[in-house]
Each structure stands twice: as C-alpha cells, then as structure tokens.
Amino acid sequence: MAFTSASFIVLTIASVLLYYIVPKKAQWCILLLASAAFYMAGSVKAFAWVVLVAGMTWVTGLILGRYNAIKPADKAQKAQIQHKKKQIAIICAVCCFGLLYAMKYWNFTLELLPSALGNHIPRWDFVVPLGLSFFIFQSMSYVIDVYRGKYAPERNPLRYGLFVSFFPQMVQGPISRFDQLAPQLTAERKLCWDDLQIGIQLALWGYFKKIVIADRAAVLVNNVIMENCPYGGALIALGILFYCIQLYCDFSGTMDVALGMGRAFNVTLPENFRQPFFSRTASEFWQRWHITLGLWFKDYVYYPISLSKPCKMLTTKARKRFGNRYGPLLASSVALFCVWIGNGLWHGAGSQYIFFGLYYFVLIMAGGLIEPPCARAAQHFGIDRNSWPYRTFQTVRTLAIIFVGELFFRSNSLEAGLAMMGRIAGDFTIEAFTTGSALQIGFGVGDGLIVTLFMMLVLAVGVVKERGCNLWEWATAQSALLRWSLVILLFVGTVTFGAYGLDYTPVDPMYAQF
C-alpha cells in the first residue's frame, strides 16, 4: 500500500478517527490493527516475515531479560551470564541478518562465483517484504539494547509487535529505538488540535515534495539514466542532477508524511533529515541525511568495533608509532570501513553499492587526515574558515561529492557508473540544449520550470529551518485563517502541479526497495 494511494489515506483517516473515539486503554490496539491492515494489503506472505522477525526478537528479549535479572554471586558467575547472553544475542542476530542476506544478497553472491560453481547452486526467489532492512534493523536495536541492560524487555508480544510494525514508519523508516517510540505508542492520548494540525501540514508538505517535484523529476531521470545510455555527458549530468532532486524530495517527502501521520496520533518520530545540502563536508552530509540509519551504524557497529579489545590494542600501538593525532585514526578506520561497507550493502546487492560505501569511506578518512594541514595552511595564509566565501566553497565542493556519489548509486552497475562518469568528463557538450534535442526525452519545458521553481521553494524552507525556525510550529501560533490557508495551498498545489494521470507512471517510494 503506497503512501500516495487513496487506500492509504483512507486507512490513516479512519485510524485517526477511531484512535480518538475508542477508550484510551484500547488506542494502541487501533494502531496495531491499522499496521496489520496496511502491511497485509500489500502481501499476506510478506507480513508473515514481519511476524517471524518480531516473534524471534521478542522471545530473545525475554530470555535476555531473565539473565539480566540474575544477580551474580561472584565474577565467575557474572562472566558466565555475560557469555550466555552474548551467545543468545548472536544467535538472534544470525537468524535476522541471515534472513536479510537470504532475501536480498543470496543471488548476488552467486553472481560473484565462477559460473561453473554458481550455475549449480539454486537461486532463491522470495517475496521480499517492503522495508525489510528497516524493520530488521529496528528489531535488532531492541535486542542489542536489552542485551546491554539499557531497559527491561517488553513482555506483551502485541505491544512489541506494534513497535516493530507501526505503519507510518514501516516501509521507509525512520529507524526508531524502543525506549523512544514504544512508550508513545501505548500511552493514553487526548486529541491535541495543534498536533493534528502540524501532522496535516507536515504530511501535505511531504506529499507536495513527493508528487510535484520527485515524481516529475523521475520522468527525466528514467528517460536519461538507462541501460546502455545513448546520451552525451551534459544530458547525463542533467539526469543525475535531477536524480539528486528526485531522491531527496522522494525520501524526505515520505519521511514528512510518516512524521505527519505520527504527529496526528500524538506520536513524535525521530528526525531523519536536517537540510543535508547545506553540509560543508561529506561527513557532515551523512550526519544530516538519513540520520537514524547513521546513528544505528554508529551505536551498533562503529562503537562496538572501535571499543573492542583488538581495536584498543591497535590504537595503543598506532599512537606510539604515528602520534596522538593520526594513531587513533588508523584504529578507527577499521570500524569506519565496516560501517561504510555495511551502509553500501544496506542499500542493495550490487557492485555499485559497494563502491558507493567505499567512496564515502575514502572521502571521510581523507578528510580526517588532511584536516590538520588544511587548518595550518588557512592560518598561515590568513584565511577565515568561517567566512561566507569559504563556507560557500565548502558547500559547493560537498555538492560535487554528493553528485558523483549519486551517479554511481543510481547506475545499474559499477561499469555503467564508470561509463557515465567517463562521458561527463570526456564528452560534455551543450549541443543537446542548443539544438533542442534535449526536449525529445519526454520532459518538457513546463516540467523543468515546475521542478526548478518548487525546488527553490524547498531550499527556501530549508534556509528558514537552518536558521532555527520550525515553520510548522510557527504556523500553530498564527491565526486560524493563516494556518488553514497554508493547508489549502499545499493541497491545491499538490493536486494542480502533481505528476499523475495518463501521462505519468506512478513512482513507488524509492527507499521502500531497501
């Protein structure tokens, strides 16, 4: 069930109405039923996988909770309990991530094997549930946190199932933590008109970005960036530029819908975007883009590896050899490498995704290495690194880095990405624009103007947010006329300028495939 479908909108409206009508003790049951209906509308078989993952992680949490409740008599018993807990957590992780591997990466692995071997191993064609990576990562964060003793396990399987399957964030996230989300889902709520209004505004803004900008930009992207792309470097560059616009407006738009739907139930979901195109470095970009995924890798991959005994020993040796500045960087590179390989593979099974992860790993490591000499050089030449010209230079440089990364991310393979990069570098002419052949790709001047104009509006809203003003919170303090005028403008704008109808192919949320 797509976010843009009429059935999803009807389900959400009906759920909100029932949520505030039924007795408060039963409110969470409405959310659970709506979540089950949302997922089963897409595929009953796929929903079975959700139930399986939720069941495995819930049972694991209960077992870990029992071990956490034991008060060890001595260090030996404490070590024994810790060993048992680790074994249980590892078994659960192997089962969950093994399921993820089987569904998403098994066939890709066979393609890497020699044909004499790979052709004799059967391929598996599962019904891959939407948002598979999202709900597995969310469920495993719960298991790891219970293992660490951060909180007690949830004893009610249905309440836990709601945490895993809450429908606004089911398909594309954000990836929530149990202690942040679960108490909100099961709390008894009164109707708050401010929250409901903000939720409607956020959702409409998300639909506007998705349907008006992203889905319209998709027409150009799909007609240019294709297998055996016949176009020159300039059109390919235009296609990737519009892909960056499409990806941001699609993903951040559906995030706004999810956050808006959550707000309608008086539930605050974690922020997943924070004006990423204002970033000054590649590292900062990933602190602003898909924030919850980055935090997941940081908390459950980077820190455990960097704080492990082997990495601590490596840090000690590296400090002695390379000094206090570069020594820790060498050790942390091991953890960072695992994070970015994981990040690349999380997005999909393909050489281009592995390259995408390694691309950012190299850039972020290089940034850490060259930062001290850059700071000394700026001081030597009297360059103010906080001045607007220097900050503008950094932002433009980071946008170029993002452009190259998204080129490979969008390509069908690493070879296709390299070929497109080669055309941009070696065959960049504006002939397609001067002769008018650029208009023969199914994307007219009107489409371009609409995308450009409204993308400027998105950037303007981003500037306002970057300066610390929350537009939706500000709107609640204004008159009812202004508040509802904003709602009407967003609705009319989406209906009037949205890319739908006979001339457009519906575009599913892009991150649902991950």
Protein backbone atom coordinates (compact mmCIF):
# COMPACT_ATOMS: atom_id res chain seq x y z
CA MET A 1 0.00 0.00 0.00
CA ALA A 2 1.77 3.13 -1.24
CA PHE A 3 1.73 6.36 0.78
CA THR A 4 0.23 8.14 -2.22
CA SER A 5 -2.61 5.67 -2.71
CA ALA A 6 -6.21 6.52 -1.84
CA SER A 7 -6.43 3.36 0.29
CA PHE A 8 -3.55 4.52 2.50
CA ILE A 9 -5.13 7.94 3.01
CA VAL A 10 -8.50 6.34 3.85
CA LEU A 11 -6.79 3.92 6.27
CA THR A 12 -4.99 6.77 8.01
CA ILE A 13 -8.07 8.98 8.35
CA ALA A 14 -10.17 6.06 9.64
CA SER A 15 -7.40 5.11 12.10
CA VAL A 16 -7.11 8.66 13.46
CA LEU A 17 -10.88 8.88 13.95
CA LEU A 18 -11.10 5.51 15.70
CA TYR A 19 -7.98 6.25 17.75
CA TYR A 20 -9.65 9.18 19.48
CA ILE A 21 -13.12 7.58 19.70
CA VAL A 22 -12.30 4.28 21.40
CA PRO A 23 -11.47 4.07 25.12
CA LYS A 24 -7.95 5.31 25.77
CA LYS A 25 -6.78 1.91 27.01
CA ALA A 26 -7.60 0.45 23.59
CA GLN A 27 -5.94 3.16 21.48
CA TRP A 28 -2.79 1.15 20.89
CA CYS A 29 -4.93 -1.73 19.59
CA ILE A 30 -6.25 0.55 16.83
CA LEU A 31 -2.65 1.33 15.83
CA LEU A 32 -1.81 -2.38 15.80
CA LEU A 33 -4.83 -3.30 13.67
CA ALA A 34 -4.13 -0.42 11.25
CA SER A 35 -0.49 -1.53 10.95
CA ALA A 36 -1.50 -5.11 10.21
CA ALA A 37 -4.08 -3.96 7.65
CA PHE A 38 -1.52 -1.68 6.00
CA TYR A 39 1.02 -4.43 5.52
CA MET A 40 -1.38 -7.25 4.63
CA ALA A 41 -2.92 -5.06 1.93
CA GLY A 42 0.39 -5.40 0.13
CA SER A 43 1.12 -9.07 0.77
CA VAL A 44 -0.03 -11.53 3.41
CA LYS A 45 3.08 -13.66 2.77
CA ALA A 46 5.35 -10.67 3.28
CA PHE A 47 3.55 -9.84 6.54
CA ALA A 48 4.37 -13.34 7.75
CA TRP A 49 8.07 -12.42 7.60
CA VAL A 50 7.38 -9.35 9.74
CA VAL A 51 5.63 -11.54 12.31
CA LEU A 52 8.54 -14.00 12.23
CA VAL A 53 11.17 -11.30 12.88
CA ALA A 54 9.04 -9.70 15.60
CA GLY A 55 8.49 -13.09 17.24
CA MET A 56 12.19 -14.05 17.20
CA THR A 57 13.38 -10.74 18.62
CA TRP A 58 10.60 -10.60 21.24
CA VAL A 59 11.44 -14.08 22.56
CA THR A 60 15.16 -13.23 22.52
CA GLY A 61 14.45 -10.09 24.54
CA LEU A 62 12.56 -12.11 27.17
CA ILE A 63 15.41 -14.62 27.51
CA LEU A 64 18.00 -11.84 27.78
CA GLY A 65 15.80 -10.09 30.35
CA ARG A 66 15.83 -13.19 32.57
CA TYR A 67 19.62 -13.28 32.52
CA ASN A 68 19.75 -9.55 33.25
CA ALA A 69 17.61 -10.12 36.36
CA ILE A 70 20.11 -12.60 37.84
CA LYS A 71 22.37 -11.09 40.49
CA PRO A 72 25.71 -12.87 40.09
CA ALA A 73 27.36 -14.16 43.28
CA ASP A 74 30.89 -13.61 42.00
CA LYS A 75 32.93 -12.58 38.93
CA ALA A 76 32.94 -16.13 37.55
CA GLN A 77 29.14 -16.32 37.51
CA LYS A 78 28.96 -12.79 36.05
CA ALA A 79 31.27 -13.82 33.21
CA GLN A 80 29.23 -16.97 32.63
CA ILE A 81 25.99 -14.98 32.42
CA GLN A 82 27.58 -12.49 30.04
CA HIS A 83 28.80 -15.34 27.86
CA LYS A 84 25.32 -16.87 27.72
CA LYS A 85 23.75 -13.51 26.87
CA LYS A 86 26.26 -12.97 24.07
CA GLN A 87 25.52 -16.41 22.63
CA ILE A 88 21.77 -15.75 22.65
CA ALA A 89 22.14 -12.30 21.07
CA ILE A 90 24.47 -13.67 18.37
CA ILE A 91 22.04 -16.49 17.51
CA CYS A 92 19.22 -13.94 17.11
CA ALA A 93 21.45 -11.66 15.00
CA VAL A 94 22.47 -14.56 12.77
CA CYS A 95 18.82 -15.54 12.26
CA CYS A 96 17.63 -11.98 11.48
CA PHE A 97 20.55 -10.88 9.35
CA GLY A 98 20.67 -14.35 7.78
CA LEU A 99 17.08 -13.83 6.66
CA LEU A 100 18.05 -10.42 5.28
CA TYR A 101 21.02 -11.97 3.47
CA ALA A 102 18.97 -14.81 2.00
CA MET A 103 16.31 -12.48 0.64
CA LYS A 104 18.48 -9.64 -0.63
CA TYR A 105 22.01 -10.90 -1.20
CA TRP A 106 22.00 -14.64 -1.88
CA ASN A 107 21.51 -14.35 -5.65
CA PHE A 108 24.07 -11.51 -5.81
CA THR A 109 26.60 -13.76 -4.06
CA LEU A 110 26.05 -16.49 -6.65
CA GLU A 111 26.75 -13.99 -9.43
CA LEU A 112 30.19 -13.35 -7.93
CA LEU A 113 31.08 -17.04 -8.03
CA PRO A 114 32.64 -18.70 -11.10
CA SER A 115 29.89 -19.80 -13.48
CA ALA A 116 30.95 -23.45 -13.18
CA LEU A 117 30.08 -23.28 -9.49
CA GLY A 118 27.40 -20.60 -9.35
CA ASN A 119 25.22 -22.20 -12.04
CA HIS A 120 24.86 -25.37 -9.96
CA ILE A 121 23.66 -23.63 -6.82
CA PRO A 122 19.91 -22.89 -6.72
CA ARG A 123 18.73 -19.30 -6.60
CA TRP A 124 16.06 -18.25 -4.13
CA ASP A 125 13.14 -16.13 -5.19
CA PHE A 126 11.39 -14.92 -2.05
CA VAL A 127 8.57 -12.46 -1.69
CA VAL A 128 10.76 -9.72 -0.24
CA PRO A 129 8.68 -7.63 2.18
CA LEU A 130 8.79 -3.86 1.79
CA GLY A 131 11.07 -2.14 4.28
CA LEU A 132 12.80 -5.44 5.17
CA SER A 133 16.06 -3.75 6.18
CA PHE A 134 14.21 -1.12 8.19
CA PHE A 135 12.23 -3.43 10.47
CA ILE A 136 15.12 -5.89 10.91
CA PHE A 137 17.46 -3.07 11.96
CA GLN A 138 14.82 -1.66 14.29
CA SER A 139 14.13 -5.07 15.85
CA MET A 140 17.83 -5.81 16.33
CA SER A 141 18.40 -2.45 18.02
CA TYR A 142 15.85 -3.61 20.63
CA VAL A 143 17.66 -6.93 21.14
CA ILE A 144 21.07 -5.26 21.50
CA ASP A 145 19.74 -2.66 23.93
CA VAL A 146 18.13 -5.35 26.11
CA TYR A 147 21.39 -7.32 25.95
CA ARG A 148 23.23 -4.23 27.18
CA GLY A 149 20.69 -3.82 30.00
CA LYS A 150 19.52 -0.45 28.76
CA TYR A 151 15.90 -1.29 29.58
CA ALA A 152 13.73 -4.25 30.56
CA PRO A 153 12.18 -6.34 27.77
CA GLU A 154 8.58 -5.84 26.67
CA ARG A 155 6.51 -8.75 27.97
CA ASN A 156 3.41 -8.14 25.87
CA PRO A 157 4.00 -9.59 22.36
CA LEU A 158 1.30 -7.44 20.76
CA ARG A 159 2.69 -4.21 22.19
CA TYR A 160 6.13 -5.21 20.96
CA GLY A 161 4.66 -6.12 17.58
CA LEU A 162 3.24 -2.60 17.33
CA PHE A 163 6.73 -1.16 17.89
CA VAL A 164 8.09 -3.25 15.01
CA SER A 165 5.19 -2.63 12.62
CA PHE A 166 3.88 0.92 13.33
CA PHE A 167 2.58 1.65 9.83
CA PRO A 168 3.65 5.29 9.18
CA GLN A 169 7.34 4.30 9.57
CA MET A 170 7.05 0.68 8.41
CA VAL A 171 8.26 0.95 4.81
CA GLN A 172 10.91 3.66 4.82
CA GLY A 173 11.65 4.41 8.44
CA PRO A 174 12.77 6.36 10.33
CA ILE A 175 14.53 3.63 12.30
CA SER A 176 13.26 4.19 15.84
CA ARG A 177 14.56 2.98 19.20
CA PHE A 178 12.28 1.05 21.52
CA ASP A 179 12.65 3.34 24.53
CA GLN A 180 11.82 6.38 22.36
CA LEU A 181 8.88 5.01 20.39
CA ALA A 182 7.17 2.19 22.31
CA PRO A 183 6.06 4.29 25.33
CA GLN A 184 4.46 6.81 22.94
CA LEU A 185 2.57 4.09 21.05
CA THR A 186 1.00 2.62 24.17
CA ALA A 187 0.33 5.89 26.03
CA GLU A 188 -3.24 7.08 26.53
CA ARG A 189 -3.78 10.17 24.40
CA LYS A 190 -6.21 13.08 24.24
CA LEU A 191 -6.90 14.81 20.95
CA CYS A 192 -4.49 17.73 20.57
CA TRP A 193 -5.57 20.09 17.79
CA ASP A 194 -2.09 21.61 17.47
CA ASP A 195 -0.50 18.19 16.92
CA LEU A 196 -3.24 17.21 14.48
CA GLN A 197 -2.79 20.42 12.53
CA ILE A 198 1.01 20.10 12.42
CA GLY A 199 0.59 16.50 11.31
CA ILE A 200 -1.69 17.51 8.44
CA GLN A 201 0.69 20.29 7.36
CA LEU A 202 3.75 18.03 7.53
CA ALA A 203 2.02 15.26 5.58
CA LEU A 204 0.80 17.65 2.88
CA TRP A 205 4.28 19.17 2.58
CA GLY A 206 5.67 15.65 2.18
CA TYR A 207 3.10 14.79 -0.49
CA PHE A 208 3.92 18.05 -2.26
CA LYS A 209 7.64 17.21 -2.42
CA LYS A 210 6.96 13.63 -3.46
CA ILE A 211 4.21 14.08 -6.08
CA VAL A 212 5.01 17.51 -7.50
CA ILE A 213 8.82 17.51 -7.51
CA ALA A 214 10.16 13.95 -7.12
CA ASP A 215 7.68 12.15 -9.39
CA ARG A 216 8.00 14.83 -12.07
CA ALA A 217 11.83 14.74 -11.91
CA ALA A 218 11.60 10.94 -12.26
CA VAL A 219 10.40 11.34 -15.85
CA LEU A 220 13.69 12.93 -16.94
CA VAL A 221 15.80 10.62 -14.78
CA ASN A 222 14.23 7.42 -16.12
CA ASN A 223 14.45 8.59 -19.74
CA VAL A 224 18.14 9.56 -19.49
CA ILE A 225 19.77 7.25 -16.96
CA MET A 226 19.11 3.87 -18.51
CA GLU A 227 20.90 0.71 -19.58
CA ASN A 228 23.27 1.50 -22.50
CA CYS A 229 22.57 5.22 -22.11
CA PRO A 230 22.86 6.83 -25.59
CA TYR A 231 23.25 10.43 -24.41
CA GLY A 232 26.26 12.69 -24.05
CA GLY A 233 27.83 13.94 -20.85
CA ALA A 234 25.71 17.09 -20.49
CA LEU A 235 22.39 15.24 -20.56
CA ILE A 236 23.74 12.55 -18.23
CA ALA A 237 24.86 15.28 -15.79
CA LEU A 238 21.39 16.83 -16.00
CA GLY A 239 19.85 13.42 -15.35
CA ILE A 240 21.98 12.86 -12.24
CA LEU A 241 21.23 16.39 -11.01
CA PHE A 242 17.52 15.67 -11.31
CA TYR A 243 18.09 12.30 -9.66
CA CYS A 244 19.58 14.07 -6.62
CA ILE A 245 16.46 16.25 -6.54
CA GLN A 246 14.19 13.23 -7.01
CA LEU A 247 15.89 11.16 -4.32
CA TYR A 248 15.84 13.93 -1.74
CA CYS A 249 12.26 15.04 -2.37
CA ASP A 250 11.02 11.43 -2.55
CA PHE A 251 12.73 10.21 0.61
CA SER A 252 12.43 13.36 2.71
CA GLY A 253 8.88 13.82 1.40
CA THR A 254 7.77 10.36 2.52
CA MET A 255 9.58 10.99 5.82
CA ASP A 256 7.48 14.14 6.27
CA VAL A 257 4.36 12.08 5.55
CA ALA A 258 5.44 9.49 8.15
CA LEU A 259 6.25 12.17 10.73
CA GLY A 260 2.97 13.95 9.97
CA MET A 261 0.93 10.76 10.32
CA GLY A 262 2.70 10.00 13.58
CA ARG A 263 2.01 13.52 14.86
CA ALA A 264 -1.71 13.03 14.12
CA PHE A 265 -1.60 10.20 16.70
CA ASN A 266 0.39 12.45 19.07
CA VAL A 267 3.48 10.34 18.36
CA THR A 268 6.78 12.08 17.61
CA LEU A 269 9.02 10.07 15.30
CA PRO A 270 12.77 10.84 15.14
CA GLU A 271 14.05 13.34 12.59
CA ASN A 272 15.65 11.74 9.54
CA PHE A 273 16.76 14.80 7.52
CA ARG A 274 18.27 18.10 8.57
CA GLN A 275 18.96 20.22 5.45
CA PRO A 276 21.67 17.87 4.07
CA PHE A 277 22.51 20.05 1.05
CA PHE A 278 23.82 22.78 3.36
CA SER A 279 26.61 20.46 4.53
CA ARG A 280 30.23 21.62 4.32
CA THR A 281 31.85 18.17 4.36
CA ALA A 282 30.96 14.62 3.32
CA SER A 283 30.95 13.59 6.98
CA GLU A 284 28.51 16.37 7.87
CA PHE A 285 26.29 15.37 4.96
CA TRP A 286 25.82 11.93 6.47
CA GLN A 287 25.03 13.47 9.84
CA ARG A 288 22.14 15.28 8.15
CA TRP A 289 20.97 12.63 5.62
CA HIS A 290 19.12 9.50 6.77
CA ILE A 291 20.07 10.40 10.32
CA THR A 292 18.54 7.35 12.01
CA LEU A 293 20.46 4.91 9.80
CA GLY A 294 23.71 6.72 10.53
CA LEU A 295 23.02 6.64 14.26
CA TRP A 296 22.20 2.91 14.05
CA PHE A 297 25.56 2.15 12.43
CA LYS A 298 27.33 4.42 14.90
CA ASP A 299 25.79 2.83 18.01
CA TYR A 300 25.70 -0.81 16.92
CA VAL A 301 28.67 -1.13 14.56
CA TYR A 302 31.18 1.71 14.93
CA TYR A 303 31.38 1.94 18.72
CA PRO A 304 31.39 -1.83 19.43
CA ILE A 305 34.21 -2.37 16.92
CA SER A 306 36.28 0.69 17.87
CA LEU A 307 35.95 -0.11 21.60
CA SER A 308 36.75 -3.81 21.19
CA LYS A 309 39.98 -5.18 22.65
CA PRO A 310 41.73 -5.70 19.26
CA CYS A 311 41.00 -2.11 18.22
CA LYS A 312 42.13 -0.74 21.58
CA MET A 313 45.41 -2.62 21.22
CA LEU A 314 45.79 -1.29 17.68
CA THR A 315 45.11 2.26 18.90
CA THR A 316 47.81 1.95 21.58
CA LYS A 317 50.40 0.72 19.09
CA ALA A 318 49.41 3.27 16.45
CA ARG A 319 49.68 6.13 18.95
CA LYS A 320 53.25 5.14 19.74
CA ARG A 321 54.17 5.00 16.07
CA PHE A 322 52.11 7.80 14.49
CA GLY A 323 51.33 10.13 17.41
CA ASN A 324 48.14 11.14 19.18
CA ARG A 325 46.60 12.73 16.08
CA TYR A 326 47.00 10.03 13.44
CA GLY A 327 47.30 6.96 15.66
CA PRO A 328 43.60 6.80 16.67
CA LEU A 329 42.59 7.47 13.05
CA LEU A 330 44.29 4.27 11.94
CA ALA A 331 42.40 2.21 14.50
CA SER A 332 39.08 3.94 13.90
CA SER A 333 39.45 3.32 10.16
CA VAL A 334 38.75 -0.37 10.80
CA ALA A 335 35.39 0.44 12.40
CA LEU A 336 34.65 3.09 9.80
CA PHE A 337 35.37 0.63 6.98
CA CYS A 338 32.85 -1.83 8.44
CA VAL A 339 30.28 0.97 8.76
CA TRP A 340 30.59 2.07 5.14
CA ILE A 341 30.67 -1.42 3.69
CA GLY A 342 27.52 -2.07 5.71
CA ASN A 343 25.98 1.21 4.56
CA GLY A 344 26.66 0.41 0.92
CA LEU A 345 25.28 -3.13 1.14
CA TRP A 346 22.26 -1.94 3.15
CA HIS A 347 21.16 0.00 0.08
CA GLY A 348 21.30 -3.02 -2.20
CA ALA A 349 23.13 -6.03 -3.61
CA GLY A 350 25.42 -4.78 -6.36
CA SER A 351 28.94 -3.67 -7.08
CA GLN A 352 27.77 -0.06 -7.41
CA TYR A 353 26.51 -0.07 -3.82
CA ILE A 354 29.79 -1.48 -2.51
CA PHE A 355 31.62 1.24 -4.45
CA PHE A 356 29.21 3.83 -3.04
CA GLY A 357 30.12 2.81 0.51
CA LEU A 358 33.86 2.70 -0.18
CA TYR A 359 33.64 6.09 -1.92
CA TYR A 360 32.42 7.78 1.24
CA PHE A 361 34.78 5.76 3.44
CA VAL A 362 37.79 7.04 1.49
CA LEU A 363 36.50 10.63 1.44
CA ILE A 364 35.74 10.73 5.17
CA MET A 365 39.09 9.14 6.06
CA ALA A 366 40.89 11.55 3.74
CA GLY A 367 39.03 14.46 5.35
CA GLY A 368 40.25 13.39 8.78
CA LEU A 369 43.85 13.08 7.56
CA ILE A 370 44.09 16.40 5.74
CA GLU A 371 42.15 18.50 8.27
CA PRO A 372 45.22 19.47 10.41
CA PRO A 373 47.40 20.62 7.45
CA CYS A 374 44.40 22.46 5.97
CA ALA A 375 43.83 24.30 9.25
CA ARG A 376 47.53 25.24 9.44
CA ALA A 377 47.55 26.41 5.81
CA ALA A 378 44.45 28.56 6.36
CA GLN A 379 46.04 30.14 9.42
CA HIS A 380 49.30 30.73 7.55
CA PHE A 381 47.59 32.49 4.63
CA GLY A 382 45.13 34.38 6.84
CA ILE A 383 42.01 32.60 5.53
CA ASP A 384 38.96 32.86 7.75
CA ARG A 385 37.40 29.41 7.55
CA ASN A 386 34.12 30.73 8.98
CA SER A 387 33.75 33.46 6.37
CA TRP A 388 30.85 33.09 3.90
CA PRO A 389 33.13 32.72 0.80
CA TYR A 390 34.99 29.82 2.39
CA ARG A 391 31.79 28.22 3.67
CA THR A 392 30.26 28.60 0.20
CA PHE A 393 33.31 26.92 -1.32
CA GLN A 394 32.99 24.02 1.12
CA THR A 395 29.28 23.63 0.39
CA VAL A 396 29.80 23.65 -3.41
CA ARG A 397 32.63 21.13 -3.05
CA THR A 398 30.39 18.87 -0.95
CA LEU A 399 27.58 19.14 -3.51
CA ALA A 400 30.03 17.95 -6.19
CA ILE A 401 30.97 14.99 -3.97
CA ILE A 402 27.29 14.15 -3.49
CA PHE A 403 26.68 14.40 -7.25
CA VAL A 404 29.41 11.86 -8.04
CA GLY A 405 28.21 9.53 -5.28
CA GLU A 406 24.62 9.60 -6.53
CA LEU A 407 25.79 8.93 -10.08
CA PHE A 408 27.15 5.56 -9.01
CA PHE A 409 24.23 4.99 -6.63
CA ARG A 410 21.74 5.40 -9.49
CA SER A 411 23.67 3.33 -12.04
CA ASN A 412 22.69 -0.26 -12.75
CA SER A 413 26.25 -1.48 -12.15
CA LEU A 414 29.71 -0.17 -11.35
CA GLU A 415 30.67 -0.48 -15.01
CA ALA A 416 27.66 1.61 -16.06
CA GLY A 417 28.57 4.24 -13.46
CA LEU A 418 32.13 4.46 -14.70
CA ALA A 419 30.89 4.75 -18.28
CA MET A 420 28.57 7.64 -17.37
CA MET A 421 31.34 9.34 -15.43
CA GLY A 422 33.60 8.97 -18.46
CA ARG A 423 31.03 10.64 -20.71
CA ILE A 424 30.58 13.54 -18.33
CA ALA A 425 34.35 14.05 -18.16
CA GLY A 426 35.16 13.45 -21.85
CA ASP A 427 32.00 14.18 -23.83
CA PHE A 428 30.44 17.19 -22.15
CA THR A 429 28.87 19.48 -24.76
CA ILE A 430 25.76 21.64 -24.62
CA GLU A 431 24.75 20.74 -28.18
CA ALA A 432 21.72 18.79 -26.94
CA PHE A 433 20.38 22.01 -25.40
CA THR A 434 21.16 24.37 -28.27
CA THR A 435 19.64 22.09 -30.91
CA GLY A 436 16.53 21.31 -28.84
CA SER A 437 17.13 17.55 -28.82
CA ALA A 438 17.08 17.69 -25.01
CA LEU A 439 13.34 18.27 -25.29
CA GLN A 440 12.87 14.93 -27.05
CA ILE A 441 13.25 12.85 -23.89
CA GLY A 442 9.65 13.15 -22.68
CA PHE A 443 10.35 16.03 -20.33
CA GLY A 444 9.09 19.42 -21.45
CA VAL A 445 9.99 22.99 -20.56
CA GLY A 446 6.95 23.21 -18.28
CA ASP A 447 8.11 20.19 -16.31
CA GLY A 448 11.55 21.71 -15.90
CA LEU A 449 10.14 25.03 -14.74
CA ILE A 450 7.86 23.38 -12.18
CA VAL A 451 10.68 21.27 -10.73
CA THR A 452 13.08 24.23 -10.65
CA LEU A 453 10.57 26.68 -9.16
CA PHE A 454 9.33 24.40 -6.41
CA MET A 455 12.81 23.09 -5.62
CA MET A 456 13.71 26.71 -4.91
CA LEU A 457 10.75 26.77 -2.51
CA VAL A 458 12.09 23.63 -0.79
CA LEU A 459 15.52 25.28 -0.48
CA ALA A 460 13.91 28.45 0.93
CA VAL A 461 12.13 26.38 3.59
CA GLY A 462 15.47 24.71 4.29
CA VAL A 463 17.14 28.09 4.80
CA VAL A 464 14.43 29.06 7.29
CA LYS A 465 14.89 25.78 9.19
CA GLU A 466 18.69 26.14 9.07
CA ARG A 467 18.28 29.46 10.87
CA GLY A 468 16.42 27.74 13.69
CA CYS A 469 12.80 28.43 12.77
CA ASN A 470 10.41 25.47 12.66
CA LEU A 471 7.85 26.53 10.06
CA TRP A 472 5.11 24.19 11.31
CA GLU A 473 5.49 25.14 14.97
CA TRP A 474 5.49 28.80 13.93
CA ALA A 475 2.28 28.31 11.96
CA THR A 476 0.43 26.99 15.03
CA ALA A 477 0.97 30.34 16.75
CA GLN A 478 -0.65 32.24 13.87
CA SER A 479 -4.31 32.94 13.18
CA ALA A 480 -6.64 30.14 12.13
CA LEU A 481 -7.04 31.84 8.73
CA LEU A 482 -3.29 31.68 8.02
CA ARG A 483 -2.95 28.13 9.35
CA TRP A 484 -5.71 26.70 7.21
CA SER A 485 -4.69 28.82 4.23
CA LEU A 486 -1.34 27.05 4.37
CA VAL A 487 -3.10 23.66 4.42
CA ILE A 488 -5.30 24.62 1.45
CA LEU A 489 -2.34 25.98 -0.55
CA LEU A 490 -0.36 22.75 -0.06
CA PHE A 491 -3.36 20.62 -1.02
CA VAL A 492 -4.27 22.70 -4.09
CA GLY A 493 -0.61 22.92 -5.15
CA THR A 494 -0.22 19.15 -4.96
CA VAL A 495 -3.44 18.49 -6.89
CA THR A 496 -2.68 21.16 -9.51
CA PHE A 497 1.01 20.52 -10.18
CA GLY A 498 1.36 16.87 -9.17
CA ALA A 499 2.80 14.37 -11.65
CA TYR A 500 -0.05 11.87 -12.01
CA GLY A 501 -2.60 10.82 -14.59
CA LEU A 502 -2.34 9.20 -18.02
CA ASP A 503 0.97 10.84 -18.93
CA TYR A 504 2.79 9.68 -15.80
CA THR A 505 3.75 6.28 -14.44
CA PRO A 506 3.20 6.04 -10.66
CA VAL A 507 6.52 6.04 -8.79
CA ASP A 508 6.76 3.91 -5.66
CA PRO A 509 8.66 5.37 -2.68
CA MET A 510 12.30 4.92 -3.64
CA TYR A 511 13.66 3.75 -0.29
CA ALA A 512 10.97 1.09 0.09
CA GLN A 513 13.14 -1.21 -2.04
CA PHE A 514 15.90 -1.07 0.57
